[in-house]
Amino acid sequence: MNCPARAREGALGYGELRAGSFSVEDRGQTMFTSSCINSNSFIIIAVLITLAVGDGISEDDNNVLGNLFTALGSLFLTKAAQLASKQNQDDIRQKISDMENQLQSLKNKLK
């Protein structure tokens, strides 16, 4: 697995969700993929960020940040579900097309 040491320079493009990993792409070049980091590392990073940011702010500010990150997480999950659904639909359409071609081939053999 190729894990880039740092993100490529340039304007950050839209992220693309893939089965099993998250990658951010910049003009077609992969900048980051979650498959380079195991789940325990994500937990440790989240805890460190929470401790670094959360200790110096008020309860209200902690609530605002918590709600912001919850909303972001929900949006990422929604986007992942949409992409998975689209991929599933594309796979089904391809299977239908293949079956139609096979059926047409069989019909032609009967003629």
PDB file of N, CA and C in Angstrom:
ATOM      1  N   MET A   1       0.846  -1.174   0.000  1.00  0.00           N
ATOM      2  CA  MET A   1       0.000   0.000   0.000  1.00  0.00           C
ATOM      3  C   MET A   1       0.887   1.230   0.000  1.00  0.00           C
ATOM      4  N   ASN A   2       0.576   2.192  -0.852  1.00  0.00           N
ATOM      5  CA  ASN A   2       1.368   3.397  -0.971  1.00  0.00           C
ATOM      6  C   ASN A   2       0.729   4.508  -0.158  1.00  0.00           C
ATOM      7  N   CYS A   3       1.372   4.917   0.937  1.00  0.00           N
ATOM      8  CA  CYS A   3       0.864   5.960   1.807  1.00  0.00           C
ATOM      9  C   CYS A   3       1.732   7.189   1.646  1.00  0.00           C
ATOM     10  N   PRO A   4       1.210   8.256   1.015  1.00  0.00           N
ATOM     11  CA  PRO A   4       2.027   9.449   0.817  1.00  0.00           C
ATOM     12  C   PRO A   4       2.412  10.056   2.153  1.00  0.00           C
ATOM     13  N   ALA A   5       3.656  10.525   2.242  1.00  0.00           N
ATOM     14  CA  ALA A   5       4.150  11.111   3.482  1.00  0.00           C
ATOM     15  C   ALA A   5       3.453  12.428   3.802  1.00  0.00           C
ATOM     16  N   ARG A   6       3.083  13.160   2.761  1.00  0.00           N
ATOM     17  CA  ARG A   6       2.374  14.417   2.990  1.00  0.00           C
ATOM     18  C   ARG A   6       1.476  14.696   1.797  1.00  0.00           C
ATOM     19  N   ALA A   7       0.552  15.599   1.985  1.00  0.00           N
ATOM     20  CA  ALA A   7      -0.379  15.943   0.908  1.00  0.00           C
ATOM     21  C   ALA A   7       0.359  16.696  -0.192  1.00  0.00           C
ATOM     22  N   ARG A   8      -0.077  16.507  -1.413  1.00  0.00           N
ATOM     23  CA  ARG A   8       0.491  17.247  -2.535  1.00  0.00           C
ATOM     24  C   ARG A   8       0.090  18.706  -2.430  1.00  0.00           C
ATOM     25  N   GLU A   9       0.899  19.563  -2.985  1.00  0.00           N
ATOM     26  CA  GLU A   9       0.577  20.983  -2.958  1.00  0.00           C
ATOM     27  C   GLU A   9      -0.508  21.271  -3.985  1.00  0.00           C
ATOM     28  N   GLY A  10      -1.256  22.324  -3.771  1.00  0.00           N
ATOM     29  CA  GLY A  10      -2.292  22.721  -4.707  1.00  0.00           C
ATOM     30  C   GLY A  10      -3.618  22.886  -4.003  1.00  0.00           C
ATOM     31  N   ALA A  11      -4.586  23.336  -4.764  1.00  0.00           N
ATOM     32  CA  ALA A  11      -5.922  23.551  -4.199  1.00  0.00           C
ATOM     33  C   ALA A  11      -6.561  22.210  -3.894  1.00  0.00           C
ATOM     34  N   LEU A  12      -7.111  22.101  -2.731  1.00  0.00           N
ATOM     35  CA  LEU A  12      -7.749  20.865  -2.300  1.00  0.00           C
ATOM     36  C   LEU A  12      -9.028  20.655  -3.074  1.00  0.00           C
ATOM     37  N   GLY A  13      -9.158  19.469  -3.673  1.00  0.00           N
ATOM     38  CA  GLY A  13     -10.374  19.130  -4.410  1.00  0.00           C
ATOM     39  C   GLY A  13     -11.371  18.456  -3.503  1.00  0.00           C
ATOM     40  N   TYR A  14     -12.431  17.958  -4.073  1.00  0.00           N
ATOM     41  CA  TYR A  14     -13.442  17.255  -3.299  1.00  0.00           C
ATOM     42  C   TYR A  14     -12.941  15.889  -2.912  1.00  0.00           C
ATOM     43  N   GLY A  15     -13.364  15.423  -1.748  1.00  0.00           N
ATOM     44  CA  GLY A  15     -12.992  14.089  -1.303  1.00  0.00           C
ATOM     45  C   GLY A  15     -13.785  13.043  -2.055  1.00  0.00           C
ATOM     46  N   GLU A  16     -13.199  11.879  -2.173  1.00  0.00           N
ATOM     47  CA  GLU A  16     -13.895  10.778  -2.819  1.00  0.00           C
ATOM     48  C   GLU A  16     -13.911   9.606  -1.861  1.00  0.00           C
ATOM     49  N   LEU A  17     -15.078   9.079  -1.599  1.00  0.00           N
ATOM     50  CA  LEU A  17     -15.180   7.931  -0.712  1.00  0.00           C
ATOM     51  C   LEU A  17     -15.128   6.662  -1.532  1.00  0.00           C
ATOM     52  N   ARG A  18     -14.331   5.748  -1.057  1.00  0.00           N
ATOM     53  CA  ARG A  18     -14.200   4.462  -1.718  1.00  0.00           C
ATOM     54  C   ARG A  18     -14.475   3.380  -0.697  1.00  0.00           C
ATOM     55  N   ALA A  19     -14.827   2.228  -1.182  1.00  0.00           N
ATOM     56  CA  ALA A  19     -15.112   1.119  -0.266  1.00  0.00           C
ATOM     57  C   ALA A  19     -13.889   0.818   0.578  1.00  0.00           C
ATOM     58  N   GLY A  20     -14.033   0.910   1.893  1.00  0.00           N
ATOM     59  CA  GLY A  20     -12.965   0.538   2.798  1.00  0.00           C
ATOM     60  C   GLY A  20     -11.968   1.614   3.124  1.00  0.00           C
ATOM     61  N   SER A  21     -12.021   2.750   2.444  1.00  0.00           N
ATOM     62  CA  SER A  21     -11.058   3.794   2.757  1.00  0.00           C
ATOM     63  C   SER A  21     -11.611   5.145   2.350  1.00  0.00           C
ATOM     64  N   PHE A  22     -10.982   6.162   2.859  1.00  0.00           N
ATOM     65  CA  PHE A  22     -11.333   7.530   2.508  1.00  0.00           C
ATOM     66  C   PHE A  22     -10.127   8.150   1.860  1.00  0.00           C
ATOM     67  N   SER A  23     -10.306   8.792   0.726  1.00  0.00           N
ATOM     68  CA  SER A  23      -9.180   9.475   0.099  1.00  0.00           C
ATOM     69  C   SER A  23      -9.622  10.864  -0.319  1.00  0.00           C
ATOM     70  N   VAL A  24      -8.707  11.799  -0.213  1.00  0.00           N
ATOM     71  CA  VAL A  24      -8.941  13.156  -0.683  1.00  0.00           C
ATOM     72  C   VAL A  24      -8.101  13.325  -1.922  1.00  0.00           C
ATOM     73  N   GLU A  25      -8.712  13.823  -2.979  1.00  0.00           N
ATOM     74  CA  GLU A  25      -7.991  13.953  -4.231  1.00  0.00           C
ATOM     75  C   GLU A  25      -7.831  15.409  -4.616  1.00  0.00           C
ATOM     76  N   ASP A  26      -6.697  15.715  -5.222  1.00  0.00           N
ATOM     77  CA  ASP A  26      -6.384  17.035  -5.725  1.00  0.00           C
ATOM     78  C   ASP A  26      -6.091  16.884  -7.207  1.00  0.00           C
ATOM     79  N   ARG A  27      -7.027  17.301  -8.038  1.00  0.00           N
ATOM     80  CA  ARG A  27      -6.851  17.208  -9.489  1.00  0.00           C
ATOM     81  C   ARG A  27      -6.481  15.797  -9.927  1.00  0.00           C
ATOM     82  N   GLY A  28      -7.156  14.826  -9.339  1.00  0.00           N
ATOM     83  CA  GLY A  28      -6.945  13.442  -9.727  1.00  0.00           C
ATOM     84  C   GLY A  28      -5.821  12.740  -8.997  1.00  0.00           C
ATOM     85  N   GLN A  29      -5.028  13.450  -8.220  1.00  0.00           N
ATOM     86  CA  GLN A  29      -3.924  12.847  -7.474  1.00  0.00           C
ATOM     87  C   GLN A  29      -4.356  12.612  -6.042  1.00  0.00           C
ATOM     88  N   THR A  30      -4.179  11.393  -5.532  1.00  0.00           N
ATOM     89  CA  THR A  30      -4.580  11.085  -4.169  1.00  0.00           C
ATOM     90  C   THR A  30      -3.666  11.806  -3.195  1.00  0.00           C
ATOM     91  N   MET A  31      -4.283  12.539  -2.245  1.00  0.00           N
ATOM     92  CA  MET A  31      -3.528  13.287  -1.253  1.00  0.00           C
ATOM     93  C   MET A  31      -3.482  12.547   0.077  1.00  0.00           C
ATOM     94  N   PHE A  32      -4.549  11.858   0.416  1.00  0.00           N
ATOM     95  CA  PHE A  32      -4.633  11.181   1.710  1.00  0.00           C
ATOM     96  C   PHE A  32      -5.610  10.033   1.581  1.00  0.00           C
ATOM     97  N   THR A  33      -5.284   8.934   2.209  1.00  0.00           N
ATOM     98  CA  THR A  33      -6.213   7.819   2.253  1.00  0.00           C
ATOM     99  C   THR A  33      -6.202   7.239   3.658  1.00  0.00           C
ATOM    100  N   SER A  34      -7.373   6.974   4.183  1.00  0.00           N
ATOM    101  CA  SER A  34      -7.490   6.485   5.556  1.00  0.00           C
ATOM    102  C   SER A  34      -6.939   5.083   5.720  1.00  0.00           C
ATOM    103  N   SER A  35      -6.760   4.355   4.643  1.00  0.00           N
ATOM    104  CA  SER A  35      -6.239   2.998   4.770  1.00  0.00           C
ATOM    105  C   SER A  35      -4.771   2.998   5.201  1.00  0.00           C
ATOM    106  N   CYS A  36      -4.138   4.182   5.235  1.00  0.00           N
ATOM    107  CA  CYS A  36      -2.755   4.291   5.709  1.00  0.00           C
ATOM    108  C   CYS A  36      -2.694   4.328   7.232  1.00  0.00           C
ATOM    109  N   ILE A  37      -3.807   4.575   7.895  1.00  0.00           N
ATOM    110  CA  ILE A  37      -3.834   4.710   9.347  1.00  0.00           C
ATOM    111  C   ILE A  37      -4.839   3.697   9.902  1.00  0.00           C
ATOM    112  N   ASN A  38      -4.438   2.953  10.939  1.00  0.00           N
ATOM    113  CA  ASN A  38      -5.383   1.990  11.510  1.00  0.00           C
ATOM    114  C   ASN A  38      -6.372   2.699  12.437  1.00  0.00           C
ATOM    115  N   SER A  39      -7.420   2.007  12.829  1.00  0.00           N
ATOM    116  CA  SER A  39      -8.499   2.620  13.606  1.00  0.00           C
ATOM    117  C   SER A  39      -8.028   3.110  14.972  1.00  0.00           C
ATOM    118  N   ASN A  40      -7.085   2.418  15.591  1.00  0.00           N
ATOM    119  CA  ASN A  40      -6.569   2.877  16.883  1.00  0.00           C
ATOM    120  C   ASN A  40      -5.874   4.222  16.758  1.00  0.00           C
ATOM    121  N   SER A  41      -5.171   4.426  15.662  1.00  0.00           N
ATOM    122  CA  SER A  41      -4.503   5.712  15.442  1.00  0.00           C
ATOM    123  C   SER A  41      -5.519   6.834  15.297  1.00  0.00           C
ATOM    124  N   PHE A  42      -6.643   6.567  14.608  1.00  0.00           N
ATOM    125  CA  PHE A  42      -7.694   7.570  14.487  1.00  0.00           C
ATOM    126  C   PHE A  42      -8.228   7.959  15.862  1.00  0.00           C
ATOM    127  N   ILE A  43      -8.415   6.977  16.717  1.00  0.00           N
ATOM    128  CA  ILE A  43      -8.923   7.243  18.070  1.00  0.00           C
ATOM    129  C   ILE A  43      -7.933   8.102  18.844  1.00  0.00           C
ATOM    130  N   ILE A  44      -6.667   7.746  18.771  1.00  0.00           N
ATOM    131  CA  ILE A  44      -5.633   8.504  19.488  1.00  0.00           C
ATOM    132  C   ILE A  44      -5.555   9.938  18.967  1.00  0.00           C
ATOM    133  N   ILE A  45      -5.604  10.097  17.654  1.00  0.00           N
ATOM    134  CA  ILE A  45      -5.582  11.444  17.065  1.00  0.00           C
ATOM    135  C   ILE A  45      -6.783  12.256  17.541  1.00  0.00           C
ATOM    136  N   ALA A  46      -7.965  11.642  17.538  1.00  0.00           N
ATOM    137  CA  ALA A  46      -9.176  12.341  17.980  1.00  0.00           C
ATOM    138  C   ALA A  46      -9.062  12.771  19.442  1.00  0.00           C
ATOM    139  N   VAL A  47      -8.551  11.875  20.282  1.00  0.00           N
ATOM    140  CA  VAL A  47      -8.390  12.201  21.707  1.00  0.00           C
ATOM    141  C   VAL A  47      -7.403  13.345  21.885  1.00  0.00           C
ATOM    142  N   LEU A  48      -6.281  13.303  21.187  1.00  0.00           N
ATOM    143  CA  LEU A  48      -5.275  14.359  21.314  1.00  0.00           C
ATOM    144  C   LEU A  48      -5.811  15.713  20.854  1.00  0.00           C
ATOM    145  N   ILE A  49      -6.546  15.713  19.749  1.00  0.00           N
ATOM    146  CA  ILE A  49      -7.134  16.970  19.269  1.00  0.00           C
ATOM    147  C   ILE A  49      -8.148  17.493  20.281  1.00  0.00           C
ATOM    148  N   THR A  50      -8.974  16.592  20.809  1.00  0.00           N
ATOM    149  CA  THR A  50      -9.981  16.996  21.799  1.00  0.00           C
ATOM    150  C   THR A  50      -9.318  17.594  23.032  1.00  0.00           C
ATOM    151  N   LEU A  51      -8.271  16.955  23.523  1.00  0.00           N
ATOM    152  CA  LEU A  51      -7.574  17.464  24.701  1.00  0.00           C
ATOM    153  C   LEU A  51      -6.883  18.794  24.414  1.00  0.00           C
ATOM    154  N   ALA A  52      -6.272  18.906  23.249  1.00  0.00           N
ATOM    155  CA  ALA A  52      -5.551  20.131  22.917  1.00  0.00           C
ATOM    156  C   ALA A  52      -6.488  21.320  22.736  1.00  0.00           C
ATOM    157  N   VAL A  53      -7.621  21.093  22.103  1.00  0.00           N
ATOM    158  CA  VAL A  53      -8.553  22.183  21.811  1.00  0.00           C
ATOM    159  C   VAL A  53      -9.553  22.377  22.944  1.00  0.00           C
ATOM    160  N   GLY A  54     -10.098  21.287  23.461  1.00  0.00           N
ATOM    161  CA  GLY A  54     -11.202  21.356  24.413  1.00  0.00           C
ATOM    162  C   GLY A  54     -10.852  21.867  25.791  1.00  0.00           C
ATOM    163  N   ASP A  55      -9.605  21.669  26.209  1.00  0.00           N
ATOM    164  CA  ASP A  55      -9.238  22.097  27.561  1.00  0.00           C
ATOM    165  C   ASP A  55      -9.180  23.608  27.709  1.00  0.00           C
ATOM    166  N   GLY A  56      -8.934  24.321  26.634  1.00  0.00           N
ATOM    167  CA  GLY A  56      -8.762  25.758  26.738  1.00  0.00           C
ATOM    168  C   GLY A  56     -10.004  26.577  26.439  1.00  0.00           C
ATOM    169  N   ILE A  57     -11.146  25.922  26.233  1.00  0.00           N
ATOM    170  CA  ILE A  57     -12.357  26.679  25.871  1.00  0.00           C
ATOM    171  C   ILE A  57     -13.492  26.365  26.839  1.00  0.00           C
ATOM    172  N   SER A  58     -14.520  27.182  26.768  1.00  0.00           N
ATOM    173  CA  SER A  58     -15.639  27.055  27.706  1.00  0.00           C
ATOM    174  C   SER A  58     -16.526  25.854  27.367  1.00  0.00           C
ATOM    175  N   GLU A  59     -17.445  25.573  28.291  1.00  0.00           N
ATOM    176  CA  GLU A  59     -18.404  24.476  28.087  1.00  0.00           C
ATOM    177  C   GLU A  59     -19.253  24.727  26.842  1.00  0.00           C
ATOM    178  N   ASP A  60     -19.720  25.966  26.680  1.00  0.00           N
ATOM    179  CA  ASP A  60     -20.535  26.301  25.504  1.00  0.00           C
ATOM    180  C   ASP A  60     -19.751  26.100  24.209  1.00  0.00           C
ATOM    181  N   ASP A  61     -18.487  26.543  24.199  1.00  0.00           N
ATOM    182  CA  ASP A  61     -17.668  26.365  23.004  1.00  0.00           C
ATOM    183  C   ASP A  61     -17.410  24.889  22.721  1.00  0.00           C
ATOM    184  N   ASN A  62     -17.213  24.095  23.775  1.00  0.00           N
ATOM    185  CA  ASN A  62     -17.063  22.653  23.594  1.00  0.00           C
ATOM    186  C   ASN A  62     -18.319  22.048  22.984  1.00  0.00           C
ATOM    187  N   ASN A  63     -19.490  22.504  23.443  1.00  0.00           N
ATOM    188  CA  ASN A  63     -20.754  22.010  22.875  1.00  0.00           C
ATOM    189  C   ASN A  63     -20.891  22.392  21.407  1.00  0.00           C
ATOM    190  N   VAL A  64     -20.511  23.624  21.079  1.00  0.00           N
ATOM    191  CA  VAL A  64     -20.602  24.078  19.681  1.00  0.00           C
ATOM    192  C   VAL A  64     -19.688  23.226  18.803  1.00  0.00           C
ATOM    193  N   LEU A  65     -18.450  23.029  19.229  1.00  0.00           N
ATOM    194  CA  LEU A  65     -17.524  22.205  18.442  1.00  0.00           C
ATOM    195  C   LEU A  65     -18.002  20.759  18.338  1.00  0.00           C
ATOM    196  N   GLY A  66     -18.523  20.233  19.438  1.00  0.00           N
ATOM    197  CA  GLY A  66     -19.052  18.867  19.405  1.00  0.00           C
ATOM    198  C   GLY A  66     -20.190  18.722  18.410  1.00  0.00           C
ATOM    199  N   ASN A  67     -21.086  19.703  18.406  1.00  0.00           N
ATOM    200  CA  ASN A  67     -22.203  19.675  17.454  1.00  0.00           C
ATOM    201  C   ASN A  67     -21.717  19.829  16.017  1.00  0.00           C
ATOM    202  N   LEU A  68     -20.698  20.662  15.816  1.00  0.00           N
ATOM    203  CA  LEU A  68     -20.136  20.842  14.481  1.00  0.00           C
ATOM    204  C   LEU A  68     -19.551  19.525  13.967  1.00  0.00           C
ATOM    205  N   PHE A  69     -18.739  18.868  14.798  1.00  0.00           N
ATOM    206  CA  PHE A  69     -18.122  17.615  14.364  1.00  0.00           C
ATOM    207  C   PHE A  69     -19.153  16.503  14.199  1.00  0.00           C
ATOM    208  N   THR A  70     -20.196  16.512  15.000  1.00  0.00           N
ATOM    209  CA  THR A  70     -21.272  15.539  14.829  1.00  0.00           C
ATOM    210  C   THR A  70     -21.969  15.760  13.485  1.00  0.00           C
ATOM    211  N   ALA A  71     -22.234  17.018  13.156  1.00  0.00           N
ATOM    212  CA  ALA A  71     -22.870  17.336  11.870  1.00  0.00           C
ATOM    213  C   ALA A  71     -21.968  16.926  10.709  1.00  0.00           C
ATOM    214  N   LEU A  72     -20.672  17.215  10.822  1.00  0.00           N
ATOM    215  CA  LEU A  72     -19.737  16.817   9.764  1.00  0.00           C
ATOM    216  C   LEU A  72     -19.719  15.298   9.598  1.00  0.00           C
ATOM    217  N   GLY A  73     -19.684  14.579  10.714  1.00  0.00           N
ATOM    218  CA  GLY A  73     -19.696  13.116  10.652  1.00  0.00           C
ATOM    219  C   GLY A  73     -20.948  12.589   9.972  1.00  0.00           C
ATOM    220  N   SER A  74     -22.082  13.185  10.304  1.00  0.00           N
ATOM    221  CA  SER A  74     -23.345  12.766   9.679  1.00  0.00           C
ATOM    222  C   SER A  74     -23.325  13.016   8.178  1.00  0.00           C
ATOM    223  N   LEU A  75     -22.770  14.150   7.774  1.00  0.00           N
ATOM    224  CA  LEU A  75     -22.701  14.452   6.340  1.00  0.00           C
ATOM    225  C   LEU A  75     -21.766  13.496   5.610  1.00  0.00           C
ATOM    226  N   PHE A  76     -20.634  13.151   6.226  1.00  0.00           N
ATOM    227  CA  PHE A  76     -19.735  12.179   5.606  1.00  0.00           C
ATOM    228  C   PHE A  76     -20.406  10.815   5.480  1.00  0.00           C
ATOM    229  N   LEU A  77     -21.151  10.404   6.498  1.00  0.00           N
ATOM    230  CA  LEU A  77     -21.857   9.121   6.437  1.00  0.00           C
ATOM    231  C   LEU A  77     -22.929   9.128   5.350  1.00  0.00           C
ATOM    232  N   THR A  78     -23.641  10.248   5.222  1.00  0.00           N
ATOM    233  CA  THR A  78     -24.655  10.373   4.177  1.00  0.00           C
ATOM    234  C   THR A  78     -24.021  10.289   2.799  1.00  0.00           C
ATOM    235  N   LYS A  79     -22.906  10.990   2.609  1.00  0.00           N
ATOM    236  CA  LYS A  79     -22.204  10.970   1.325  1.00  0.00           C
ATOM    237  C   LYS A  79     -21.715   9.556   1.007  1.00  0.00           C
ATOM    238  N   ALA A  80     -21.183   8.866   2.001  1.00  0.00           N
ATOM    239  CA  ALA A  80     -20.711   7.492   1.792  1.00  0.00           C
ATOM    240  C   ALA A  80     -21.862   6.584   1.370  1.00  0.00           C
ATOM    241  N   ALA A  81     -23.012   6.744   2.017  1.00  0.00           N
ATOM    242  CA  ALA A  81     -24.180   5.924   1.676  1.00  0.00           C
ATOM    243  C   ALA A  81     -24.651   6.223   0.256  1.00  0.00           C
ATOM    244  N   GLN A  82     -24.631   7.495  -0.129  1.00  0.00           N
ATOM    245  CA  GLN A  82     -25.041   7.860  -1.486  1.00  0.00           C
ATOM    246  C   GLN A  82     -24.104   7.249  -2.521  1.00  0.00           C
ATOM    247  N   LEU A  83     -22.801   7.315  -2.259  1.00  0.00           N
ATOM    248  CA  LEU A  83     -21.838   6.745  -3.201  1.00  0.00           C
ATOM    249  C   LEU A  83     -21.972   5.233  -3.297  1.00  0.00           C
ATOM    250  N   ALA A  84     -22.195   4.579  -2.162  1.00  0.00           N
ATOM    251  CA  ALA A  84     -22.382   3.128  -2.167  1.00  0.00           C
ATOM    252  C   ALA A  84     -23.642   2.755  -2.938  1.00  0.00           C
ATOM    253  N   SER A  85     -24.701   3.523  -2.749  1.00  0.00           N
ATOM    254  CA  SER A  85     -25.958   3.265  -3.457  1.00  0.00           C
ATOM    255  C   SER A  85     -25.787   3.451  -4.962  1.00  0.00           C
ATOM    256  N   LYS A  86     -25.086   4.506  -5.348  1.00  0.00           N
ATOM    257  CA  LYS A  86     -24.856   4.755  -6.771  1.00  0.00           C
ATOM    258  C   LYS A  86     -24.037   3.626  -7.380  1.00  0.00           C
ATOM    259  N   GLN A  87     -22.993   3.182  -6.670  1.00  0.00           N
ATOM    260  CA  GLN A  87     -22.171   2.087  -7.171  1.00  0.00           C
ATOM    261  C   GLN A  87     -23.006   0.818  -7.321  1.00  0.00           C
ATOM    262  N   ASN A  88     -23.873   0.547  -6.357  1.00  0.00           N
ATOM    263  CA  ASN A  88     -24.745  -0.614  -6.415  1.00  0.00           C
ATOM    264  C   ASN A  88     -25.685  -0.517  -7.618  1.00  0.00           C
ATOM    265  N   GLN A  89     -26.248   0.667  -7.838  1.00  0.00           N
ATOM    266  CA  GLN A  89     -27.138   0.867  -8.985  1.00  0.00           C
ATOM    267  C   GLN A  89     -26.384   0.666 -10.298  1.00  0.00           C
ATOM    268  N   ASP A  90     -25.171   1.187 -10.374  1.00  0.00           N
ATOM    269  CA  ASP A  90     -24.367   1.012 -11.587  1.00  0.00           C
ATOM    270  C   ASP A  90     -24.065  -0.460 -11.836  1.00  0.00           C
ATOM    271  N   ASP A  91     -23.744  -1.199 -10.756  1.00  0.00           N
ATOM    272  CA  ASP A  91     -23.473  -2.630 -10.888  1.00  0.00           C
ATOM    273  C   ASP A  91     -24.705  -3.380 -11.390  1.00  0.00           C
ATOM    274  N   ILE A  92     -25.872  -3.045 -10.847  1.00  0.00           N
ATOM    275  CA  ILE A  92     -27.117  -3.689 -11.267  1.00  0.00           C
ATOM    276  C   ILE A  92     -27.417  -3.374 -12.722  1.00  0.00           C
ATOM    277  N   ARG A  93     -27.245  -2.115 -13.119  1.00  0.00           N
ATOM    278  CA  ARG A  93     -27.472  -1.738 -14.524  1.00  0.00           C
ATOM    279  C   ARG A  93     -26.545  -2.507 -15.457  1.00  0.00           C
ATOM    280  N   GLN A  94     -25.290  -2.679 -15.041  1.00  0.00           N
ATOM    281  CA  GLN A  94     -24.334  -3.428 -15.861  1.00  0.00           C
ATOM    282  C   GLN A  94     -24.757  -4.888 -15.975  1.00  0.00           C
ATOM    283  N   LYS A  95     -25.214  -5.479 -14.887  1.00  0.00           N
ATOM    284  CA  LYS A  95     -25.678  -6.873 -14.920  1.00  0.00           C
ATOM    285  C   LYS A  95     -26.887  -7.022 -15.831  1.00  0.00           C
ATOM    286  N   ILE A  96     -27.813  -6.077 -15.767  1.00  0.00           N
ATOM    287  CA  ILE A  96     -29.000  -6.112 -16.632  1.00  0.00           C
ATOM    288  C   ILE A  96     -28.585  -6.016 -18.091  1.00  0.00           C
ATOM    289  N   SER A  97     -27.644  -5.113 -18.376  1.00  0.00           N
ATOM    290  CA  SER A  97     -27.161  -4.960 -19.746  1.00  0.00           C
ATOM    291  C   SER A  97     -26.494  -6.254 -20.236  1.00  0.00           C
ATOM    292  N   ASP A  98     -25.693  -6.868 -19.386  1.00  0.00           N
ATOM    293  CA  ASP A  98     -25.049  -8.130 -19.757  1.00  0.00           C
ATOM    294  C   ASP A  98     -26.079  -9.221 -20.025  1.00  0.00           C
ATOM    295  N   MET A  99     -27.107  -9.298 -19.167  1.00  0.00           N
ATOM    296  CA  MET A  99     -28.159 -10.311 -19.355  1.00  0.00           C
ATOM    297  C   MET A  99     -28.944 -10.056 -20.637  1.00  0.00           C
ATOM    298  N   GLU A 100     -29.227  -8.791 -20.933  1.00  0.00           N
ATOM    299  CA  GLU A 100     -29.934  -8.463 -22.177  1.00  0.00           C
ATOM    300  C   GLU A 100     -29.106  -8.871 -23.385  1.00  0.00           C
ATOM    301  N   ASN A 101     -27.788  -8.640 -23.322  1.00  0.00           N
ATOM    302  CA  ASN A 101     -26.908  -9.047 -24.426  1.00  0.00           C
ATOM    303  C   ASN A 101     -26.879 -10.563 -24.580  1.00  0.00           C
ATOM    304  N   GLN A 102     -26.847 -11.278 -23.454  1.00  0.00           N
ATOM    305  CA  GLN A 102     -26.871 -12.744 -23.514  1.00  0.00           C
ATOM    306  C   GLN A 102     -28.190 -13.236 -24.098  1.00  0.00           C
ATOM    307  N   LEU A 103     -29.287 -12.612 -23.679  1.00  0.00           N
ATOM    308  CA  LEU A 103     -30.600 -12.991 -24.194  1.00  0.00           C
ATOM    309  C   LEU A 103     -30.684 -12.745 -25.696  1.00  0.00           C
ATOM    310  N   GLN A 104     -30.169 -11.609 -26.147  1.00  0.00           N
ATOM    311  CA  GLN A 104     -30.198 -11.301 -27.565  1.00  0.00           C
ATOM    312  C   GLN A 104     -29.334 -12.288 -28.345  1.00  0.00           C
ATOM    313  N   SER A 105     -28.201 -12.672 -27.762  1.00  0.00           N
ATOM    314  CA  SER A 105     -27.331 -13.657 -28.398  1.00  0.00           C
ATOM    315  C   SER A 105     -28.041 -14.994 -28.529  1.00  0.00           C
ATOM    316  N   LEU A 106     -28.747 -15.428 -27.490  1.00  0.00           N
ATOM    317  CA  LEU A 106     -29.495 -16.682 -27.539  1.00  0.00           C
ATOM    318  C   LEU A 106     -30.631 -16.619 -28.563  1.00  0.00           C
ATOM    319  N   LYS A 107     -31.302 -15.475 -28.631  1.00  0.00           N
ATOM    320  CA  LYS A 107     -32.371 -15.306 -29.625  1.00  0.00           C
ATOM    321  C   LYS A 107     -31.807 -15.401 -31.034  1.00  0.00           C
ATOM    322  N   ASN A 108     -30.636 -14.817 -31.253  1.00  0.00           N
ATOM    323  CA  ASN A 108     -30.022 -14.876 -32.572  1.00  0.00           C
ATOM    324  C   ASN A 108     -29.611 -16.300 -32.939  1.00  0.00           C
ATOM    325  N   LYS A 109     -29.209 -17.083 -31.951  1.00  0.00           N
ATOM    326  CA  LYS A 109     -28.826 -18.479 -32.219  1.00  0.00           C
ATOM    327  C   LYS A 109     -30.046 -19.333 -32.601  1.00  0.00           C
ATOM    328  N   LEU A 110     -31.227 -18.954 -32.071  1.00  0.00           N
ATOM    329  CA  LEU A 110     -32.443 -19.699 -32.389  1.00  0.00           C
ATOM    330  C   LEU A 110     -32.957 -19.420 -33.798  1.00  0.00           C
ATOM    331  N   LYS A 111     -32.587 -18.334 -34.371  1.00  0.00           N
ATOM    332  CA  LYS A 111     -33.079 -17.950 -35.710  1.00  0.00           C
ATOM    333  C   LYS A 111     -32.482 -18.778 -36.798  1.00  0.00           C
TER     334      LYS A 111
END
